């Protein structure tokens, strides 16, 4: 196998010195995809197109032409990101064989900087899940241990990077869907501040939470992809107008910081012992390096998961109403009239977990229950945001596990959805508060399974977060 370039700066110098070619990289990744097809990472591979794009990049590099910021970077995209004239299904039967008529803003920005898109990655159906077991196309298996889950919902994107099937991947993070699979697969998973990256052309799950984020082998590449993808977009009115962090400004941070960690992450019996040990090791290293590291208690911890799921399911119920068997997508062949078209197309087209979430979301929005559930959850969300902001005003960063356990066995948790929902305990806080968060690889446990730790910082503090993350990985 060809050399593994862990950062784009290495890759770029390799391309410029002719040590490697974009075409050679693409072919290496394609070989790795074929060798690991059993992991079920890709829903579709754009083989011929990726090779043709790579050849075009090589010709331009050799001609000495000015190239984009991502020239020769081979990227996989999650299968809920629209790419014109390519299929996009959100890993659901209801969108099987649907071809997108336009490209998402993130795809347009990747292509404008000469990135090469190699394929679309498997994910939990409509990005709903923490294990990538809810896909119409079957589960994605973890490269570190094929009997384990990849994490969700961006499990395919995480394993694509983990297994060397691409240089980097783009996922979406609603309640931890980039960060949790990154932890399970030992890669960097970054969720920027809500409103940093355009959601135009991203198939919606919960619009007030959804955020695009990169999965990479290095913090440096996460910073570079943020620079390319972020910034105003006339198609997304929720985007911030704040200046976009430049990747060149990211450097290993050495200034002394104030860092908080949740005491519950060390005291709770629900957190794996080896994850606790890893967290304790990093706390000790940070203190030894002169940082202030203090234990705090988050008194709203028990409300994080219920609040998130009430709101996310309500938004999913609304967003998924458009899949009705009439406009586009799957239509039941057994339908006889308009009512049966709606009922049969939706009941046959959606998977079990998506139907569960639509029904729960419809319930919390219904007359008589709206105030008791949805309106109350919105108030609690505001309290969680305020409390989180108070912590991040006092401390530079909040350090937590990314997940309470390493990757669990395939099929283990699917019998009890509540157990799976609780896997989001550490990731949903950043989603509810809208703040940036990153999952960083923190070694492996005794069984060789990757572990991940998470850092949160205040809104639009991406530069500081990425700087400190670069330093954190060197501890």
Protein backbone atom coordinates (compact mmCIF):
# COMPACT_ATOMS: atom_id res chain seq x y z
CA UNK A 1 0.00 0.00 0.00
CA UNK A 2 1.20 3.52 -0.81
CA UNK A 3 2.37 5.93 1.86
CA UNK A 4 -0.34 7.12 4.23
CA UNK A 5 -0.33 10.90 4.37
CA UNK A 6 -1.89 11.86 7.70
CA UNK A 7 -2.12 15.56 6.87
CA UNK A 8 -2.82 17.48 3.69
CA UNK A 9 0.40 19.51 4.07
CA UNK A 10 2.38 16.23 3.76
CA UNK A 11 0.22 15.14 0.84
CA UNK A 12 0.60 18.49 -0.93
CA UNK A 13 4.40 18.36 -0.75
CA UNK A 14 4.26 14.76 -2.00
CA UNK A 15 2.22 15.87 -5.03
CA UNK A 16 4.48 18.83 -5.76
CA UNK A 17 7.68 16.77 -5.50
CA UNK A 18 6.11 14.05 -7.69
CA UNK A 19 6.61 11.56 -4.87
CA UNK A 20 3.00 10.65 -5.50
CA UNK A 21 0.19 11.52 -7.89
CA UNK A 22 -3.49 12.20 -7.32
CA UNK A 23 -4.33 9.33 -9.66
CA UNK A 24 -2.07 6.99 -7.68
CA UNK A 25 -3.73 8.06 -4.43
CA UNK A 26 -7.21 7.46 -5.81
CA UNK A 27 -6.26 4.01 -7.08
CA UNK A 28 -4.75 3.12 -3.70
CA UNK A 29 -7.95 4.18 -1.94
CA UNK A 30 -10.06 2.23 -4.44
CA UNK A 31 -7.98 -0.89 -3.76
CA UNK A 32 -8.53 -0.44 -0.03
CA UNK A 33 -12.29 0.03 -0.58
CA UNK A 34 -12.45 -3.21 -2.60
CA UNK A 35 -10.33 -5.11 -0.07
CA UNK A 36 -12.67 -4.06 2.74
CA UNK A 37 -16.01 -4.17 0.95
CA UNK A 38 -17.34 -6.39 3.76
CA UNK A 39 -17.17 -3.41 6.14
CA UNK A 40 -20.10 -1.92 4.16
CA UNK A 41 -18.67 1.61 4.25
CA UNK A 42 -19.83 2.99 0.89
CA UNK A 43 -23.31 3.07 -0.59
CA UNK A 44 -21.74 4.07 -3.90
CA UNK A 45 -18.17 4.58 -5.12
CA UNK A 46 -17.56 7.12 -7.90
CA UNK A 47 -14.64 5.12 -9.31
CA UNK A 48 -14.36 6.35 -12.91
CA UNK A 49 -15.22 9.91 -11.99
CA UNK A 50 -12.65 10.04 -9.16
CA UNK A 51 -9.89 8.70 -11.44
CA UNK A 52 -10.78 11.24 -14.14
CA UNK A 53 -10.75 14.09 -11.59
CA UNK A 54 -7.39 12.91 -10.24
CA UNK A 55 -5.86 12.81 -13.72
CA UNK A 56 -7.06 16.38 -14.33
CA UNK A 57 -5.49 17.51 -11.03
CA UNK A 58 -2.17 15.84 -11.94
CA UNK A 59 -2.10 17.54 -15.34
CA UNK A 60 -2.69 20.96 -13.78
CA UNK A 61 -0.07 20.42 -11.05
CA UNK A 62 2.52 19.35 -13.63
CA UNK A 63 1.68 22.40 -15.75
CA UNK A 64 2.39 24.59 -12.73
CA UNK A 65 -1.14 26.02 -12.65
CA UNK A 66 -2.59 27.65 -9.56
CA UNK A 67 -4.45 24.97 -7.59
CA UNK A 68 -7.20 25.04 -4.99
CA UNK A 69 -6.61 24.63 -1.27
CA UNK A 70 -7.60 20.93 -1.41
CA UNK A 71 -6.00 19.90 -4.71
CA UNK A 72 -5.56 16.13 -4.69
CA UNK A 73 -7.33 15.58 -1.35
CA UNK A 74 -9.59 12.54 -1.77
CA UNK A 75 -12.80 12.99 0.21
CA UNK A 76 -15.82 10.79 0.93
CA UNK A 77 -19.20 12.38 1.68
CA UNK A 78 -21.99 11.10 3.89
CA UNK A 79 -25.05 9.86 2.00
CA UNK A 80 -27.24 12.74 3.19
CA UNK A 81 -25.21 15.39 1.34
CA UNK A 82 -26.56 16.31 -2.10
CA UNK A 83 -24.23 16.15 -5.11
CA UNK A 84 -25.77 17.14 -8.46
CA UNK A 85 -26.50 14.26 -10.84
CA UNK A 86 -25.47 11.73 -8.18
CA UNK A 87 -27.73 9.54 -6.09
CA UNK A 88 -28.42 10.53 -2.50
CA UNK A 89 -30.53 8.31 -0.25
CA UNK A 90 -29.78 9.17 3.40
CA UNK A 91 -29.42 5.34 3.59
CA UNK A 92 -33.21 5.00 3.39
CA UNK A 93 -35.44 2.90 1.17
CA UNK A 94 -37.74 5.91 0.76
CA UNK A 95 -35.00 7.71 -1.24
CA UNK A 96 -33.54 4.65 -2.98
CA UNK A 97 -32.35 5.56 -6.50
CA UNK A 98 -33.17 9.26 -5.99
CA UNK A 99 -30.81 11.49 -7.97
CA UNK A 100 -30.05 14.96 -6.66
CA UNK A 101 -30.84 17.83 -9.04
CA UNK A 102 -28.42 20.21 -7.33
CA UNK A 103 -25.27 20.18 -5.21
CA UNK A 104 -25.07 21.17 -1.58
CA UNK A 105 -23.00 24.24 -0.76
CA UNK A 106 -20.39 22.05 0.97
CA UNK A 107 -19.91 19.92 -2.17
CA UNK A 108 -19.64 23.03 -4.34
CA UNK A 109 -16.97 24.44 -2.01
CA UNK A 110 -14.99 21.17 -1.97
CA UNK A 111 -15.00 20.95 -5.76
CA UNK A 112 -14.11 24.64 -6.13
CA UNK A 113 -10.90 23.90 -4.19
CA UNK A 114 -10.05 20.88 -6.41
CA UNK A 115 -10.96 18.13 -3.92
CA UNK A 116 -11.72 14.70 -5.40
CA UNK A 117 -14.96 13.09 -4.17
CA UNK A 118 -14.59 9.30 -4.16
CA UNK A 119 -18.06 8.19 -3.07
CA UNK A 120 -21.00 8.45 -0.70
CA UNK A 121 -20.78 6.76 2.69
CA UNK A 122 -23.29 4.58 4.48
CA UNK A 123 -24.94 6.14 7.55
CA UNK A 124 -27.85 5.62 9.90
CA UNK A 125 -31.11 6.22 8.03
CA UNK A 126 -31.74 9.98 7.90
CA UNK A 127 -28.78 10.32 10.32
CA UNK A 128 -30.82 8.79 13.15
CA UNK A 129 -28.71 6.45 15.26
CA UNK A 130 -25.59 5.97 17.36
CA UNK A 131 -24.32 2.72 15.84
CA UNK A 132 -24.85 2.86 12.06
CA UNK A 133 -27.16 -0.15 12.45
CA UNK A 134 -30.28 1.69 11.24
CA UNK A 135 -29.22 1.87 7.59
CA UNK A 136 -31.40 0.35 4.84
CA UNK A 137 -28.10 -0.96 3.41
CA UNK A 138 -27.05 -2.74 6.61
CA UNK A 139 -24.58 -1.82 9.38
CA UNK A 140 -21.08 -0.42 8.92
CA UNK A 141 -18.45 -2.53 10.70
CA UNK A 142 -15.53 -1.13 12.68
CA UNK A 143 -12.14 -1.58 11.00
CA UNK A 144 -10.47 -2.15 14.39
CA UNK A 145 -12.82 -5.07 15.18
CA UNK A 146 -15.35 -6.21 12.59
CA UNK A 147 -17.70 -7.56 15.27
CA UNK A 148 -18.15 -4.01 16.63
CA UNK A 149 -20.23 -1.05 15.50
CA UNK A 150 -18.66 1.96 13.79
CA UNK A 151 -20.71 4.50 15.73
CA UNK A 152 -23.35 6.70 14.24
CA UNK A 153 -24.76 8.26 12.39
CA UNK A 154 -21.65 9.11 10.31
CA UNK A 155 -20.20 5.60 10.78
CA UNK A 156 -19.35 5.09 7.13
CA UNK A 157 -17.49 8.40 6.98
CA UNK A 158 -15.51 7.52 10.14
CA UNK A 159 -14.50 4.03 8.96
CA UNK A 160 -13.58 5.37 5.49
CA UNK A 161 -10.91 7.53 7.17
CA UNK A 162 -9.99 4.87 9.77
CA UNK A 163 -9.45 2.17 7.12
CA UNK A 164 -7.55 4.34 4.62
CA UNK A 165 -10.32 4.46 2.01
CA UNK A 166 -9.98 8.23 1.59
CA UNK A 167 -7.90 11.08 3.01
CA UNK A 168 -10.81 12.75 4.84
CA UNK A 169 -14.58 12.51 5.00
CA UNK A 170 -17.50 14.86 5.54
CA UNK A 171 -20.26 13.91 7.96
CA UNK A 172 -23.11 15.66 9.73
CA UNK A 173 -23.48 16.05 13.48
CA UNK A 174 -26.93 16.51 15.03
CA UNK A 175 -26.39 15.12 18.53
CA UNK A 176 -22.88 13.68 18.17
CA UNK A 177 -23.02 11.98 14.78
CA UNK A 178 -19.49 13.06 13.80
CA UNK A 179 -17.85 12.98 17.24
CA UNK A 180 -19.09 9.61 18.56
CA UNK A 181 -18.09 7.53 15.47
CA UNK A 182 -14.77 9.42 15.42
CA UNK A 183 -14.18 8.21 18.99
CA UNK A 184 -15.16 4.64 18.10
CA UNK A 185 -12.82 4.66 15.10
CA UNK A 186 -9.83 6.57 16.49
CA UNK A 187 -10.00 9.60 14.18
CA UNK A 188 -10.57 13.34 14.65
CA UNK A 189 -14.24 14.36 14.52
CA UNK A 190 -15.10 18.06 14.59
CA UNK A 191 -18.47 19.77 15.05
CA UNK A 192 -18.18 23.53 14.49
CA UNK A 193 -20.48 26.12 16.08
CA UNK A 194 -24.07 25.88 14.82
CA UNK A 195 -24.31 28.30 11.90
CA UNK A 196 -20.65 28.01 10.79
CA UNK A 197 -21.21 25.76 7.75
CA UNK A 198 -24.12 25.93 5.32
CA UNK A 199 -26.85 23.29 5.62
CA UNK A 200 -28.07 23.98 2.08
CA UNK A 201 -28.30 20.63 0.31
CA UNK A 202 -28.04 18.57 3.49
CA UNK A 203 -31.00 16.24 3.96
CA UNK A 204 -32.56 17.54 7.16
CA UNK A 205 -33.02 15.59 10.37
CA UNK A 206 -33.35 18.29 13.07
CA UNK A 207 -32.75 21.71 11.58
CA UNK A 208 -31.85 23.56 14.80
CA UNK A 209 -29.12 21.00 15.56
CA UNK A 210 -27.76 19.73 12.21
CA UNK A 211 -24.21 20.83 11.45
CA UNK A 212 -21.70 19.61 8.86
CA UNK A 213 -18.35 18.47 10.26
CA UNK A 214 -15.15 16.84 8.96
CA UNK A 215 -13.61 13.51 9.98
CA UNK A 216 -9.86 13.56 9.52
CA UNK A 217 -6.57 11.99 10.57
CA UNK A 218 -5.23 15.31 11.89
CA UNK A 219 -6.43 18.50 13.57
CA UNK A 220 -4.61 20.43 10.85
CA UNK A 221 -6.91 18.95 8.19
CA UNK A 222 -10.03 19.64 10.28
CA UNK A 223 -8.94 23.30 10.39
CA UNK A 224 -8.33 23.37 6.64
CA UNK A 225 -11.73 21.86 5.84
CA UNK A 226 -13.42 24.32 8.20
CA UNK A 227 -11.75 27.20 6.34
CA UNK A 228 -13.01 25.86 2.99
CA UNK A 229 -16.54 24.93 4.07
CA UNK A 230 -17.47 27.76 6.47
CA UNK A 231 -18.75 31.21 5.65
CA UNK A 232 -21.89 32.99 4.43
CA UNK A 233 -24.20 31.35 1.93
CA UNK A 234 -27.28 33.02 0.46
CA UNK A 235 -29.13 29.68 0.59
CA UNK A 236 -28.88 29.31 4.40
CA UNK A 237 -30.24 32.20 6.46
CA UNK A 238 -29.05 30.64 9.76
CA UNK A 239 -25.38 31.13 8.88
CA UNK A 240 -23.18 33.43 10.89
CA UNK A 241 -21.45 36.39 9.31
CA UNK A 242 -18.49 36.15 11.66
CA UNK A 243 -15.01 35.86 10.08
CA UNK A 244 -14.03 32.32 9.14
CA UNK A 245 -10.99 30.87 10.98
CA UNK A 246 -8.01 30.46 8.66
CA UNK A 247 -6.21 27.13 8.83
CA UNK A 248 -2.87 28.94 8.70
CA UNK A 249 -3.71 30.55 12.06
CA UNK A 250 -3.97 27.16 13.78
CA UNK A 251 -0.83 26.33 15.71
CA UNK A 252 0.04 24.17 18.68
CA UNK A 253 -1.21 26.17 21.66
CA UNK A 254 1.13 26.40 24.64
CA UNK A 255 -0.43 29.14 26.77
CA UNK A 256 -1.74 28.09 30.17
CA UNK A 257 -5.47 27.35 30.11
CA UNK A 258 -8.33 26.82 32.52
CA UNK A 259 -10.00 23.47 31.86
CA UNK A 260 -13.07 21.98 33.50
CA UNK A 261 -14.12 18.34 33.48
CA UNK A 262 -17.40 16.78 34.57
CA UNK A 263 -16.95 14.93 37.85
CA UNK A 264 -19.79 12.63 36.76
CA UNK A 265 -17.62 11.35 33.92
CA UNK A 266 -15.28 9.85 36.54
CA UNK A 267 -17.82 8.96 39.24
CA UNK A 268 -20.62 7.46 37.12
CA UNK A 269 -20.74 3.64 37.01
CA UNK A 270 -22.01 3.95 33.42
CA UNK A 271 -18.62 5.14 32.13
CA UNK A 272 -16.14 2.46 31.08
CA UNK A 273 -13.16 2.03 33.45
CA UNK A 274 -10.55 2.37 30.70
CA UNK A 275 -12.16 5.58 29.45
CA UNK A 276 -12.03 6.92 33.02
CA UNK A 277 -8.37 5.92 33.20
CA UNK A 278 -7.61 7.68 29.91
CA UNK A 279 -9.42 10.82 31.06
CA UNK A 280 -7.53 10.78 34.38
CA UNK A 281 -4.19 10.38 32.55
CA UNK A 282 -4.86 13.43 30.39
CA UNK A 283 -6.03 15.47 33.39
CA UNK A 284 -2.74 14.62 35.16
CA UNK A 285 -0.69 15.52 32.05
CA UNK A 286 -2.47 18.86 31.69
CA UNK A 287 -1.88 19.72 35.35
CA UNK A 288 1.76 18.69 35.07
CA UNK A 289 2.09 21.06 32.12
CA UNK A 290 0.87 23.97 34.22
CA UNK A 291 -2.78 24.20 33.24
CA UNK A 292 -5.56 24.68 35.78
CA UNK A 293 -7.82 21.62 35.62
CA UNK A 294 -10.86 21.59 37.90
CA UNK A 295 -13.78 19.27 38.52
CA UNK A 296 -17.26 20.69 38.05
CA UNK A 297 -20.75 19.26 38.38
CA UNK A 298 -23.33 19.90 35.66
CA UNK A 299 -26.63 19.78 37.51
CA UNK A 300 -28.65 19.51 34.28
CA UNK A 301 -26.81 16.38 33.10
CA UNK A 302 -29.84 14.12 33.57
CA UNK A 303 -31.92 16.42 31.34
CA UNK A 304 -29.53 16.50 28.38
CA UNK A 305 -30.65 13.34 26.57
CA UNK A 306 -34.43 13.73 27.19
CA UNK A 307 -34.36 17.38 26.08
CA UNK A 308 -32.36 16.59 22.98
CA UNK A 309 -34.58 13.70 21.91
CA UNK A 310 -37.86 15.53 22.46
CA UNK A 311 -36.69 18.45 20.31
CA UNK A 312 -34.84 16.43 17.68
CA UNK A 313 -37.76 14.02 17.20
CA UNK A 314 -40.23 16.91 16.93
CA UNK A 315 -38.11 18.49 14.21
CA UNK A 316 -37.67 15.13 12.48
CA UNK A 317 -41.44 14.63 12.44
CA UNK A 318 -41.81 17.96 10.67
CA UNK A 319 -38.84 17.57 8.29
CA UNK A 320 -39.75 14.05 7.19
CA UNK A 321 -43.37 14.91 6.40
CA UNK A 322 -42.22 15.71 2.84
CA UNK A 323 -41.57 12.02 2.08
CA UNK A 324 -45.16 11.14 1.24
CA UNK A 325 -44.94 8.94 -1.86
CA UNK A 326 -46.31 11.77 -4.00
CA UNK A 327 -43.58 14.32 -4.62
CA UNK A 328 -40.51 12.09 -5.10
CA UNK A 329 -38.82 9.01 -3.71
CA UNK A 330 -40.40 5.64 -2.97
CA UNK A 331 -44.10 5.09 -3.76
CA UNK A 332 -45.77 1.89 -2.64
CA UNK A 333 -46.88 -0.31 -5.56
CA UNK A 334 -49.80 -1.46 -3.38
CA UNK A 335 -51.37 2.01 -3.07
CA UNK A 336 -54.86 2.46 -4.51
CA UNK A 337 -55.75 6.05 -3.58
CA UNK A 338 -54.17 9.15 -2.02
CA UNK A 339 -54.61 8.01 1.59
CA UNK A 340 -53.15 4.56 0.97
CA UNK A 341 -50.30 6.16 -1.02
CA UNK A 342 -49.33 8.19 2.05
CA UNK A 343 -49.77 5.37 4.54
CA UNK A 344 -48.16 2.54 2.60
CA UNK A 345 -45.29 4.56 1.09
CA UNK A 346 -44.25 5.89 4.49
CA UNK A 347 -44.72 2.64 6.41
CA UNK A 348 -42.84 0.62 3.76
CA UNK A 349 -40.23 3.27 2.95
CA UNK A 350 -39.05 4.23 6.43
CA UNK A 351 -37.10 1.94 8.75
CA UNK A 352 -38.12 1.04 12.30
CA UNK A 353 -36.04 3.67 14.12
CA UNK A 354 -37.10 6.50 11.81
CA UNK A 355 -40.77 5.56 12.25
CA UNK A 356 -40.28 5.48 16.03
CA UNK A 357 -38.82 8.98 16.00
CA UNK A 358 -41.49 10.39 13.67
CA UNK A 359 -44.24 9.00 15.91
CA UNK A 360 -42.63 10.30 19.10
CA UNK A 361 -42.04 13.67 17.46
CA UNK A 362 -45.62 13.88 16.24
CA UNK A 363 -46.82 12.97 19.73
CA UNK A 364 -44.84 15.71 21.50
CA UNK A 365 -46.13 18.27 18.99
CA UNK A 366 -49.77 17.20 19.24
CA UNK A 367 -52.54 19.20 20.90
CA UNK A 368 -52.57 18.63 24.65
CA UNK A 369 -48.94 17.49 24.76
CA UNK A 370 -47.15 20.39 23.05
CA UNK A 371 -46.83 22.47 26.23
CA UNK A 372 -46.04 19.47 28.43
CA UNK A 373 -43.17 18.23 26.24
CA UNK A 374 -42.02 20.40 23.33
CA UNK A 375 -42.45 23.84 24.92
CA UNK A 376 -40.94 22.63 28.19
CA UNK A 377 -37.97 21.07 26.37
CA UNK A 378 -37.32 24.39 24.62
CA UNK A 379 -37.16 26.11 28.02
CA UNK A 380 -34.79 23.45 29.37
CA UNK A 381 -32.64 23.82 26.24
CA UNK A 382 -32.25 27.51 27.05
CA UNK A 383 -31.21 26.65 30.63
CA UNK A 384 -28.68 24.10 29.33
CA UNK A 385 -27.28 26.69 26.93
CA UNK A 386 -27.01 29.32 29.67
CA UNK A 387 -25.34 26.91 32.10
CA UNK A 388 -22.91 25.70 29.41
CA UNK A 389 -22.03 29.29 28.47
CA UNK A 390 -21.43 30.13 32.15
CA UNK A 391 -18.96 27.23 32.41
CA UNK A 392 -17.22 28.24 29.18
CA UNK A 393 -16.95 31.86 30.28
CA UNK A 394 -15.16 30.71 33.44
CA UNK A 395 -13.06 28.01 31.75
CA UNK A 396 -11.40 27.91 28.34
CA UNK A 397 -12.44 24.32 27.64
CA UNK A 398 -14.66 21.56 28.96
CA UNK A 399 -13.09 18.08 28.78
CA UNK A 400 -15.32 14.98 28.71
CA UNK A 401 -15.33 11.48 27.25
CA UNK A 402 -16.78 11.43 23.73
CA UNK A 403 -18.79 8.31 24.58
CA UNK A 404 -19.32 6.36 27.83
CA UNK A 405 -17.89 3.14 26.35
CA UNK A 406 -15.73 2.03 23.41
CA UNK A 407 -17.45 0.59 20.32
CA UNK A 408 -19.94 -2.07 21.38
CA UNK A 409 -20.81 -5.34 19.65
CA UNK A 410 -23.04 -5.32 16.57
CA UNK A 411 -26.66 -6.01 17.48
CA UNK A 412 -26.06 -5.61 21.21
CA UNK A 413 -28.07 -2.46 21.90
CA UNK A 414 -30.77 -2.48 19.23
CA UNK A 415 -33.36 -4.24 21.42
CA UNK A 416 -33.61 -1.24 23.75
CA UNK A 417 -33.52 2.14 21.98
CA UNK A 418 -33.23 4.06 25.26
CA UNK A 419 -29.87 2.39 25.96
CA UNK A 420 -28.65 3.57 22.56
CA UNK A 421 -29.98 7.10 23.15
CA UNK A 422 -27.96 7.30 26.37
CA UNK A 423 -24.78 6.86 24.32
CA UNK A 424 -25.25 10.52 23.41
CA UNK A 425 -24.93 11.68 27.04
CA UNK A 426 -21.61 13.49 26.48
CA UNK A 427 -22.13 14.73 22.92
CA UNK A 428 -25.61 16.32 23.05
CA UNK A 429 -24.56 19.14 25.38
CA UNK A 430 -22.58 20.89 22.62
CA UNK A 431 -25.48 20.32 20.21
CA UNK A 432 -28.09 21.76 22.58
CA UNK A 433 -25.88 24.77 23.34
CA UNK A 434 -24.77 25.21 19.72
CA UNK A 435 -21.08 25.39 20.70
CA UNK A 436 -18.11 23.81 18.89
CA UNK A 437 -16.76 20.46 20.05
CA UNK A 438 -14.12 18.01 18.87
CA UNK A 439 -13.49 14.32 19.49
CA UNK A 440 -9.81 13.44 19.66
CA UNK A 441 -8.24 9.96 19.58
CA UNK A 442 -6.93 8.99 23.03
CA UNK A 443 -5.22 5.67 22.39
CA UNK A 444 -6.72 2.18 22.50
CA UNK A 445 -8.02 -0.01 25.30
CA UNK A 446 -6.65 -3.45 26.23
CA UNK A 447 -8.70 -5.04 23.41
CA UNK A 448 -7.27 -2.65 20.83
CA UNK A 449 -10.47 -0.61 20.52
CA UNK A 450 -10.03 3.13 19.98
CA UNK A 451 -10.96 5.57 22.76
CA UNK A 452 -11.91 9.22 22.29
CA UNK A 453 -12.00 12.32 24.47
CA UNK A 454 -13.99 15.45 23.72
CA UNK A 455 -13.25 19.16 24.13
CA UNK A 456 -15.89 21.90 24.06
CA UNK A 457 -15.35 25.65 23.95
CA UNK A 458 -17.46 28.80 23.63
CA UNK A 459 -19.39 29.71 20.49
CA UNK A 460 -17.22 30.60 17.51
CA UNK A 461 -14.07 29.68 19.45
CA UNK A 462 -12.96 27.22 16.76
CA UNK A 463 -9.46 28.65 16.36
CA UNK A 464 -8.74 28.31 20.09
CA UNK A 465 -10.29 24.83 20.14
CA UNK A 466 -8.25 23.61 17.18
CA UNK A 467 -5.04 25.16 18.56
CA UNK A 468 -5.50 23.44 21.89
CA UNK A 469 -6.51 20.15 20.21
CA UNK A 470 -3.25 20.15 18.25
CA UNK A 471 -1.39 20.60 21.54
CA UNK A 472 -3.59 18.04 23.35
CA UNK A 473 -2.68 15.29 20.88
CA UNK A 474 1.01 15.84 21.60
CA UNK A 475 0.63 15.33 25.38
